[in-house]
Protein backbone atom coordinates (compact mmCIF):
# COMPACT_ATOMS: atom_id res chain seq x y z
CA MET A 1 0.00 0.00 0.00
CA LYS A 2 1.02 3.60 -0.60
CA TYR A 3 0.71 5.93 2.39
CA TYR A 4 0.92 9.72 2.22
CA ILE A 5 1.68 11.00 5.71
CA ILE A 6 1.96 14.58 6.96
CA ALA A 7 3.51 15.77 10.22
CA GLY A 8 4.47 19.41 10.69
CA GLU A 9 6.28 19.48 14.02
CA LEU A 10 9.00 17.62 15.92
CA SER A 11 6.63 15.77 18.26
CA GLY A 12 4.47 14.74 15.30
CA ASP A 13 7.56 13.51 13.47
CA LYS A 14 8.39 11.21 16.40
CA HIS A 15 4.84 9.87 16.71
CA ALA A 16 4.53 9.37 12.95
CA ALA A 17 7.87 7.55 12.73
CA LEU A 18 6.82 5.01 15.36
CA LEU A 19 3.47 4.55 13.62
CA MET A 20 5.27 3.93 10.32
CA GLN A 21 7.52 1.38 11.98
CA ASN A 22 4.46 -0.49 13.23
CA ILE A 23 2.58 -0.24 9.92
CA LYS A 24 5.50 -2.04 8.26
CA GLN A 25 4.87 -5.00 10.56
CA PHE A 26 1.38 -5.41 9.09
CA ASP A 27 2.06 -4.24 5.53
CA LYS A 28 5.41 -5.53 4.27
CA GLU A 29 4.98 -3.62 1.00
CA ALA A 30 4.27 -0.24 2.62
CA VAL A 31 5.59 2.82 0.77
CA PHE A 32 5.59 6.19 2.55
CA ARG A 33 5.74 9.68 1.09
CA GLY A 34 4.89 13.07 2.55
CA PHE A 35 5.87 15.93 4.84
CA GLY A 36 7.94 15.13 7.93
CA GLY A 37 11.29 15.10 9.65
CA ASP A 38 14.41 13.07 10.33
CA ASN A 39 12.68 10.37 12.37
CA MET A 40 10.19 9.68 9.58
CA GLN A 41 12.97 9.65 7.00
CA LYS A 42 14.73 6.94 8.99
CA GLN A 43 11.57 4.83 8.64
CA GLY A 44 11.62 5.22 4.86
CA LEU A 45 9.64 8.41 4.20
CA GLN A 46 10.15 9.88 0.73
CA ILE A 47 10.27 13.43 2.05
CA VAL A 48 8.64 16.23 0.09
CA LYS A 49 9.01 19.01 2.67
CA HIS A 50 10.96 18.92 5.94
CA ILE A 51 9.36 20.02 9.22
CA LYS A 52 12.13 22.63 9.59
CA GLU A 53 10.30 24.57 6.88
CA LEU A 54 6.82 24.10 8.33
CA ALA A 55 6.74 24.96 12.03
CA PHE A 56 4.83 28.27 12.21
CA MET A 57 2.84 28.76 15.42
CA GLY A 58 0.54 31.57 16.49
CA PHE A 59 -1.89 33.77 14.61
CA VAL A 60 0.62 36.51 13.83
CA GLU A 61 3.41 34.08 12.86
CA VAL A 62 1.13 32.22 10.43
CA ALA A 63 -0.09 35.50 8.93
CA ARG A 64 3.50 36.67 8.40
CA ASN A 65 4.31 33.46 6.56
CA LEU A 66 0.97 33.07 4.78
CA LYS A 67 2.50 33.07 1.30
CA GLU A 68 4.78 30.17 2.22
CA VAL A 69 1.94 28.28 3.94
CA LEU A 70 -0.28 28.58 0.85
CA SER A 71 2.61 27.54 -1.37
CA ASN A 72 3.13 24.42 0.75
CA ILE A 73 -0.58 23.56 0.50
CA SER A 74 -0.46 23.81 -3.30
CA LEU A 75 2.72 21.74 -3.43
CA CYS A 76 1.16 19.10 -1.20
CA LYS A 77 -2.03 18.80 -3.26
CA LYS A 78 -0.10 18.40 -6.51
CA ASP A 79 2.25 15.84 -4.99
CA ILE A 80 -0.64 13.79 -3.61
CA LYS A 81 -2.24 13.66 -7.04
CA ASP A 82 1.04 12.54 -8.61
CA PHE A 83 1.72 9.91 -5.93
CA ALA A 84 -1.87 8.58 -5.90
CA PRO A 85 -1.77 7.09 -2.36
CA ASP A 86 -4.12 4.43 -1.03
CA CYS A 87 -4.68 6.57 2.07
CA MET A 88 -3.68 9.71 3.89
CA ILE A 89 -2.38 9.75 7.46
CA PHE A 90 -2.53 13.19 9.06
CA VAL A 91 -0.54 13.69 12.28
CA ASP A 92 -1.70 16.67 14.37
CA TYR A 93 -0.80 19.99 12.59
CA PRO A 94 -4.50 20.85 12.06
CA GLY A 95 -4.34 24.23 10.32
CA PHE A 96 -2.57 22.58 7.40
CA ASN A 97 -3.83 19.01 7.63
CA LEU A 98 -7.55 19.72 7.76
CA ARG A 99 -7.28 21.73 4.55
CA ILE A 100 -5.54 18.84 2.82
CA ALA A 101 -8.06 16.36 4.27
CA LYS A 102 -10.91 18.28 2.65
CA PHE A 103 -9.11 18.05 -0.69
CA THR A 104 -8.22 14.35 -0.44
CA HIS A 105 -11.75 13.44 0.66
CA SER A 106 -13.07 15.21 -2.43
CA ILE A 107 -10.93 13.04 -4.71
CA GLY A 108 -11.84 9.79 -2.97
CA ILE A 109 -8.77 9.03 -0.85
CA LYS A 110 -9.26 7.48 2.63
CA ASN A 111 -8.34 9.91 5.42
CA PHE A 112 -6.95 8.73 8.77
CA TYR A 113 -6.20 11.42 11.35
CA TYR A 114 -3.78 10.62 14.18
CA ILE A 115 -3.66 12.95 17.21
CA SER A 116 -6.74 15.09 17.38
CA PRO A 117 -6.84 18.84 16.79
CA GLN A 118 -7.53 20.45 20.14
CA VAL A 119 -11.13 21.27 19.28
CA TRP A 120 -12.04 20.75 22.95
CA ALA A 121 -10.09 23.95 23.59
CA TRP A 122 -11.11 26.06 20.61
CA LYS A 123 -12.55 25.93 17.09
CA LYS A 124 -15.28 23.39 17.89
CA GLY A 125 -16.69 24.26 14.49
CA ARG A 126 -13.97 22.07 13.02
CA ILE A 127 -15.82 18.97 14.29
CA LYS A 128 -18.40 19.26 11.51
CA THR A 129 -15.64 19.39 8.90
CA MET A 130 -13.83 16.47 10.53
CA LYS A 131 -16.98 14.31 10.52
CA LYS A 132 -17.41 14.97 6.84
CA ASN A 133 -13.83 14.50 5.66
CA LEU A 134 -12.21 11.91 7.96
CA ASP A 135 -12.67 8.15 7.73
CA LYS A 136 -11.27 7.64 11.24
CA LEU A 137 -9.85 9.81 13.99
CA TYR A 138 -7.38 8.36 16.51
CA VAL A 139 -7.13 10.35 19.75
CA ILE A 140 -4.31 10.18 22.33
CA LEU A 141 -5.76 11.91 25.40
CA PRO A 142 -8.10 9.94 27.68
CA PHE A 143 -10.90 12.51 27.86
CA GLU A 144 -11.12 12.99 24.09
CA LYS A 145 -13.15 9.85 23.38
CA GLU A 146 -15.99 11.05 25.63
CA PHE A 147 -15.72 14.56 24.22
CA TYR A 148 -16.25 13.34 20.67
CA ALA A 149 -19.00 10.94 21.73
CA ASN A 150 -20.87 13.98 23.08
CA HIS A 151 -20.59 15.42 19.57
CA ASN A 152 -21.82 12.20 17.91
CA MET A 153 -18.43 11.33 16.46
CA ALA A 154 -16.94 7.87 16.96
CA VAL A 155 -13.18 7.92 17.52
CA GLU A 156 -10.62 5.37 18.67
CA TYR A 157 -8.43 5.70 21.78
CA HIS A 158 -5.66 3.16 22.24
CA GLY A 159 -3.50 5.07 24.73
CA ASN A 160 -0.81 7.70 24.32
CA PRO A 161 2.19 7.05 22.02
CA LEU A 162 4.54 8.75 24.48
CA LEU A 163 4.20 5.65 26.64
CA ASP A 164 5.52 3.59 23.71
CA GLU A 165 8.35 5.99 22.97
CA ILE A 166 9.47 6.24 26.59
CA SER A 167 9.21 2.46 27.03
CA ILE A 168 11.43 1.93 23.96
CA PHE A 169 13.91 4.48 25.31
CA LYS A 170 14.09 2.85 28.74
CA THR A 171 14.65 -0.56 27.16
CA SER A 172 17.50 0.66 24.97
CA GLN A 173 18.97 3.59 26.90
CA MET A 174 22.69 3.61 27.71
CA GLY A 175 22.34 4.23 31.45
CA LYS A 176 22.46 7.41 33.49
CA GLU A 177 26.12 7.27 34.49
CA SER A 178 27.26 6.53 30.93
CA PHE A 179 25.24 9.44 29.56
CA LEU A 180 26.58 11.87 32.17
CA LYS A 181 30.12 10.73 31.44
CA GLU A 182 29.57 11.12 27.70
CA ILE A 183 28.50 14.76 28.03
CA GLY A 184 31.21 15.53 30.59
CA LEU A 185 29.12 15.83 33.76
CA GLY A 186 29.67 14.38 37.20
CA ASP A 187 27.87 14.40 40.55
CA LYS A 188 25.98 17.70 40.51
CA PRO A 189 22.15 17.47 40.19
CA ILE A 190 20.93 18.18 36.67
CA ILE A 191 18.48 20.95 35.79
CA ALA A 192 16.84 20.28 32.42
CA ILE A 193 16.07 23.30 30.27
CA LEU A 194 13.71 22.59 27.38
CA PRO A 195 13.23 25.86 25.42
CA GLY A 196 11.06 24.42 22.64
CA SER A 197 11.84 23.52 19.05
CA ARG A 198 10.73 26.63 17.15
CA LYS A 199 12.63 29.87 16.63
CA GLN A 200 10.06 32.04 18.36
CA GLU A 201 9.93 29.71 21.37
CA ILE A 202 13.70 29.56 21.86
CA LYS A 203 13.99 33.33 21.49
CA LYS A 204 11.38 33.95 24.18
CA MET A 205 12.11 31.07 26.56
CA LEU A 206 15.87 30.64 26.73
CA PRO A 207 17.03 34.08 27.98
CA VAL A 208 14.76 33.81 31.04
CA GLN A 209 15.34 30.07 31.58
CA SER A 210 19.11 30.56 31.48
CA SER A 211 19.01 33.52 33.89
CA LEU A 212 19.31 31.02 36.76
CA ILE A 213 22.51 29.37 35.54
CA ASP A 214 25.17 31.41 37.35
CA LYS A 215 22.98 31.92 40.44
CA TYR A 216 23.03 28.21 41.27
CA PRO A 217 26.53 26.80 40.69
CA GLN A 218 25.67 23.68 42.72
CA PHE A 219 23.68 22.42 39.70
CA ASP A 220 24.56 21.53 36.14
CA PHE A 221 22.14 23.11 33.66
CA VAL A 222 21.61 21.01 30.52
CA ILE A 223 19.81 22.58 27.58
CA ALA A 224 17.91 20.24 25.25
CA CYS A 225 18.62 21.37 21.68
CA VAL A 226 17.31 20.30 18.30
CA ASP A 227 19.51 20.05 15.23
CA SER A 228 17.34 22.49 13.30
CA PHE A 229 19.64 25.10 14.86
CA ASP A 230 23.38 25.13 15.57
CA GLU A 231 25.24 25.90 18.81
CA GLN A 232 25.71 29.56 17.97
CA TYR A 233 21.99 30.05 17.55
CA TYR A 234 21.36 28.83 21.10
CA LYS A 235 24.34 30.61 22.64
CA GLN A 236 23.10 34.05 21.58
CA TYR A 237 20.15 33.69 23.98
CA ILE A 238 21.95 32.14 26.97
CA VAL A 239 22.79 34.09 30.11
CA GLY A 240 25.59 32.53 32.19
CA LYS A 241 28.49 30.15 31.73
CA ASN A 242 27.73 26.92 33.61
CA TYR A 243 25.66 25.11 31.02
CA HIS A 244 25.83 22.24 28.53
CA LEU A 245 24.15 22.09 25.12
CA VAL A 246 22.99 18.58 24.21
CA PHE A 247 21.39 17.90 20.82
CA ASN A 248 18.60 15.40 20.11
CA ARG A 249 18.86 13.65 23.50
CA THR A 250 15.82 15.01 25.34
CA TYR A 251 14.88 11.68 26.93
CA ASP A 252 18.45 11.12 28.13
CA ILE A 253 18.36 14.56 29.74
CA LEU A 254 14.98 14.01 31.42
CA ASN A 255 16.13 10.60 32.61
CA VAL A 256 18.86 12.20 34.74
CA ALA A 257 17.14 15.48 35.65
CA HIS A 258 16.42 16.63 39.20
CA SER A 259 13.95 19.26 37.97
CA GLY A 260 13.05 21.00 34.73
CA LEU A 261 12.16 24.34 33.16
CA ILE A 262 9.90 23.29 30.31
CA CYS A 263 8.43 25.13 27.35
CA SER A 264 4.74 24.29 27.03
CA GLY A 265 3.89 21.53 24.59
CA THR A 266 4.32 17.77 24.39
CA ALA A 267 7.48 18.16 26.50
CA THR A 268 5.43 18.92 29.63
CA LEU A 269 3.78 15.50 29.40
CA GLU A 270 7.09 13.79 28.62
CA THR A 271 8.67 15.46 31.65
CA ALA A 272 5.83 14.25 33.87
CA LEU A 273 6.16 10.67 32.58
CA PHE A 274 9.83 10.76 33.59
CA GLY A 275 8.74 11.91 37.07
CA VAL A 276 10.66 15.20 36.91
CA PRO A 277 9.23 18.16 38.89
CA GLN A 278 8.78 21.04 36.47
CA THR A 279 7.77 24.60 35.88
CA VAL A 280 5.96 25.22 32.58
CA CYS A 281 6.67 28.38 30.66
CA TYR A 282 5.34 30.09 27.57
CA LYS A 283 5.17 33.54 26.03
CA ALA A 284 3.45 34.14 22.72
CA ASN A 285 3.41 37.18 20.48
CA LYS A 286 1.24 39.72 22.32
CA LEU A 287 -1.40 39.93 19.59
CA SER A 288 -1.48 36.12 19.20
CA TYR A 289 -1.98 35.79 22.95
CA ILE A 290 -4.84 38.33 23.03
CA ILE A 291 -6.59 36.55 20.16
CA GLY A 292 -5.92 33.17 21.76
CA ARG A 293 -7.34 34.17 25.15
CA TYR A 294 -10.50 35.35 23.41
CA LEU A 295 -10.92 32.11 21.47
CA ILE A 296 -9.53 29.40 23.75
CA LYS A 297 -11.95 28.06 26.35
CA ILE A 298 -9.71 26.08 28.71
CA ARG A 299 -8.09 27.03 32.03
CA PHE A 300 -4.65 25.56 31.43
CA ILE A 301 -2.03 25.34 28.71
CA SER A 302 0.06 22.33 29.82
CA LEU A 303 -1.14 18.83 29.00
CA VAL A 304 -0.42 17.71 32.56
CA ASN A 305 -2.90 20.18 34.02
CA ILE A 306 -5.42 19.70 31.20
CA ILE A 307 -5.57 15.93 31.72
CA LEU A 308 -5.65 16.11 35.53
CA LYS A 309 -8.13 19.02 35.40
CA HIS A 310 -6.34 21.06 38.06
CA GLU A 311 -3.04 22.86 38.53
CA THR A 312 -0.38 20.25 39.22
CA VAL A 313 2.46 22.12 37.55
CA LYS A 314 2.83 25.89 37.74
CA GLU A 315 2.33 27.69 34.43
CA LEU A 316 4.29 30.90 33.97
CA LEU A 317 2.65 32.57 30.99
CA GLN A 318 3.03 36.00 29.37
CA SER A 319 3.58 38.63 32.11
CA LEU A 320 4.39 35.89 34.65
CA TRP A 321 7.22 34.74 32.41
CA ASN A 322 10.02 36.73 34.03
CA GLU A 323 13.18 36.04 36.00
CA GLU A 324 11.70 36.80 39.42
CA ASP A 325 8.68 34.52 39.11
CA LEU A 326 10.77 31.80 37.51
CA GLU A 327 13.27 31.79 40.35
CA LYS A 328 10.46 31.59 42.89
CA GLU A 329 9.06 28.48 41.20
CA PHE A 330 12.51 27.04 40.57
CA LYS A 331 13.18 27.02 44.32
CA LYS A 332 9.96 25.07 44.90
CA ILE A 333 10.57 22.35 42.32
CA THR A 334 14.23 22.03 43.29
CA PHE A 335 14.47 22.47 47.07
CA ASP A 336 10.97 21.95 48.52
CA GLU A 337 10.76 18.18 49.01
CA GLU A 338 7.09 18.22 49.99
CA TYR A 339 6.20 20.24 46.87
CA ARG A 340 8.22 17.88 44.71
CA ARG A 341 6.63 14.80 46.29
CA ARG A 342 3.08 16.12 45.76
CA MET A 343 3.80 16.81 42.11
CA GLN A 344 5.28 13.36 41.57
CA ASN A 345 2.26 11.74 43.24
CA GLU A 346 0.04 13.60 40.79
CA TYR A 347 2.22 12.32 37.97
CA SER A 348 1.37 8.77 39.08
CA LEU A 349 -2.34 9.53 38.73
CA LEU A 350 -1.65 10.98 35.29
CA ARG A 351 0.19 7.84 34.22
CA THR A 352 -2.77 5.70 35.32
CA GLN A 353 -5.22 7.82 33.33
CA LEU A 354 -3.20 7.44 30.13
CA GLY A 355 -3.56 3.66 30.20
CA ASN A 356 -1.14 1.10 28.81
CA ALA A 357 1.61 1.28 26.21
CA GLY A 358 1.00 -0.16 22.75
CA ALA A 359 -1.00 2.64 21.12
CA SER A 360 1.22 2.90 18.04
CA ASN A 361 0.94 -0.80 17.27
CA GLN A 362 -2.83 -0.89 17.75
CA ILE A 363 -3.41 2.17 15.58
CA ALA A 364 -1.16 0.73 12.85
CA LYS A 365 -3.22 -2.48 12.94
CA SER A 366 -6.48 -0.52 12.81
CA ILE A 367 -5.33 1.45 9.75
CA THR A 368 -3.98 -1.54 7.84
CA ASP A 369 -7.07 -3.63 8.68
CA LYS A 370 -9.19 -0.97 6.99
CA LEU A 371 -7.03 -1.07 3.86
CA LEU A 372 -5.78 -4.62 3.32
């Protein structure tokens, strides 16, 4: 079978790659083409556009790059026609993917959507379009199945793929001491800094996150980097000297971390699943934030708090994202043992709610069963 698969962000690239790996177990003749990243390429994706060229986030950022976005949509439609896939697999990235899904539905291609758009937070009007254009939606958050049932849409929930990815990591990982030795670190506790994977995130997160580095020499600060950017790009935003840049090893970093300063996104859930006390941070373009607050109807931004339905991890957003408030929260997640213990107990409840590992394999089987 021929699969056209589209992921537009780093987390989607990882989820899609694992799904592709599992599809190949059920369909030995599988051929993959589409938009994605390095992880998908390693699984055999014939790449049309790399995620490095796709990751625009926020109303203002998308508007600024509208010409490129529209060009990518046109390119994608033409390439799909030329490739003539047996199905489409859309991975998150809703602003782009739902437009393509409408097109592929109109020309008779089966549409499978993996990782739901966050319509429970905003743009519920998309549900009508999704019902019309998708053959099946696979959700990865436990409350989403009930949400869609209340909107008369049948979806499948098989668990969260992060459980698969972390399980694979823990089975194959090199060991904490070996990793620390490899990156030149010793006995000091590790503070993980995850500034995000997009330019605008790194620019806004890293200067404040790194403001703690020289204030706390008893820790080693390790910054999780992505290879979309080089060392010099990160260094221009870093305050302080006692830090280590580590590329493409986020799970290794979280596996040894004492606490973490985490940019909002999938990373907040990953950090929780590693049991690392964290402070969540985010600052959007001011106009994007104003528009977002008007449209978005949820109390929290981090997946940890959204799933647990109360504030487990502190969210420092917009005006709260400053050095003073960050240091206050840093002291709690790093030195206050009772605070740390409460957060880790909540993480255990979160892990229970997510269910068992195996989502990627079950979704791959579901998709191939519908095709073969």
